[in-house]
Amino acid sequence: MTDLNILFQNIVRIFFDIGAVLYLIFAVVVVKQVTSMSKNVYDKFNGILITFSYLHLVFSVFFLILTILLTL
């Protein structure tokens, strides 16, 4: 039973690591899309949207680092 438990834990760790990397890629795409949109659509909230997109990217990097550290 212990070997099966370790195998399951390793599979879960791999899925969490892959999920965190995919989330980071998503955050990069969001930043790229928001900056592209802000260049084409002029609005008073563009600065706020860009700020939130970069905050989202920072939090996703933090999430990736936290996930990797917790799955060691």
Protein backbone atom coordinates (compact mmCIF):
# COMPACT_ATOMS: atom_id res chain seq x y z
CA MET A 1 0.00 0.00 0.00
CA THR A 2 2.83 2.40 0.73
CA ASP A 3 4.24 2.15 -2.80
CA LEU A 4 0.82 2.91 -4.24
CA ASN A 5 0.52 5.92 -1.93
CA ILE A 6 3.89 7.29 -3.02
CA LEU A 7 2.99 6.77 -6.68
CA PHE A 8 -0.29 8.63 -6.23
CA GLN A 9 1.46 11.50 -4.44
CA ASN A 10 4.02 11.80 -7.23
CA ILE A 11 1.28 11.87 -9.88
CA VAL A 12 -0.58 14.59 -7.97
CA ARG A 13 2.64 16.61 -7.63
CA ILE A 14 3.28 16.38 -11.36
CA PHE A 15 -0.26 17.54 -12.14
CA PHE A 16 0.06 20.49 -9.76
CA ASP A 17 3.40 21.49 -11.29
CA ILE A 18 2.04 21.23 -14.84
CA GLY A 19 -1.07 23.18 -13.80
CA ALA A 20 1.03 25.96 -12.28
CA VAL A 21 3.14 26.23 -15.44
CA LEU A 22 0.03 26.35 -17.62
CA TYR A 23 -1.43 29.04 -15.36
CA LEU A 24 1.76 31.08 -15.75
CA ILE A 25 1.51 30.78 -19.53
CA PHE A 26 -2.11 31.91 -19.28
CA ALA A 27 -1.08 34.95 -17.23
CA VAL A 28 1.55 35.90 -19.82
CA VAL A 29 -1.08 35.66 -22.56
CA VAL A 30 -3.45 37.83 -20.51
CA VAL A 31 -0.77 40.52 -20.14
CA LYS A 32 -0.06 40.41 -23.87
CA GLN A 33 -3.74 40.67 -24.75
CA VAL A 34 -4.44 43.51 -22.31
CA THR A 35 -1.50 45.56 -23.52
CA SER A 36 -2.50 44.94 -27.13
CA MET A 37 -6.07 45.94 -26.38
CA SER A 38 -4.94 49.07 -24.55
CA LYS A 39 -2.99 50.22 -27.61
CA ASN A 40 -6.06 49.90 -29.83
CA VAL A 41 -8.92 50.89 -27.50
CA TYR A 42 -8.56 54.15 -25.63
CA ASP A 43 -10.29 54.27 -22.27
CA LYS A 44 -9.68 55.84 -18.88
CA PHE A 45 -9.38 52.38 -17.28
CA ASN A 46 -6.51 51.14 -19.47
CA GLY A 47 -3.91 51.85 -16.80
CA ILE A 48 -5.90 49.99 -14.19
CA LEU A 49 -6.38 47.00 -16.49
CA ILE A 50 -2.69 46.85 -17.31
CA THR A 51 -1.82 47.09 -13.62
CA PHE A 52 -4.18 44.25 -12.73
CA SER A 53 -2.85 42.10 -15.56
CA TYR A 54 0.72 42.53 -14.31
CA LEU A 55 -0.39 41.83 -10.73
CA HIS A 56 -2.03 38.67 -12.02
CA LEU A 57 1.27 37.70 -13.65
CA VAL A 58 3.19 38.34 -10.43
CA PHE A 59 0.75 36.25 -8.42
CA SER A 60 0.96 33.42 -10.96
CA VAL A 61 4.77 33.44 -10.68
CA PHE A 62 4.40 33.36 -6.89
CA PHE A 63 1.93 30.48 -7.26
CA LEU A 64 4.38 28.57 -9.46
CA ILE A 65 7.24 29.07 -7.01
CA LEU A 66 5.03 28.08 -4.08
CA THR A 67 3.80 24.98 -5.89
CA ILE A 68 7.32 23.87 -6.75
CA LEU A 69 8.57 24.47 -3.22
CA LEU A 70 5.66 22.62 -1.63
CA THR A 71 6.00 19.61 -3.92
CA LEU A 72 9.70 19.01 -3.21
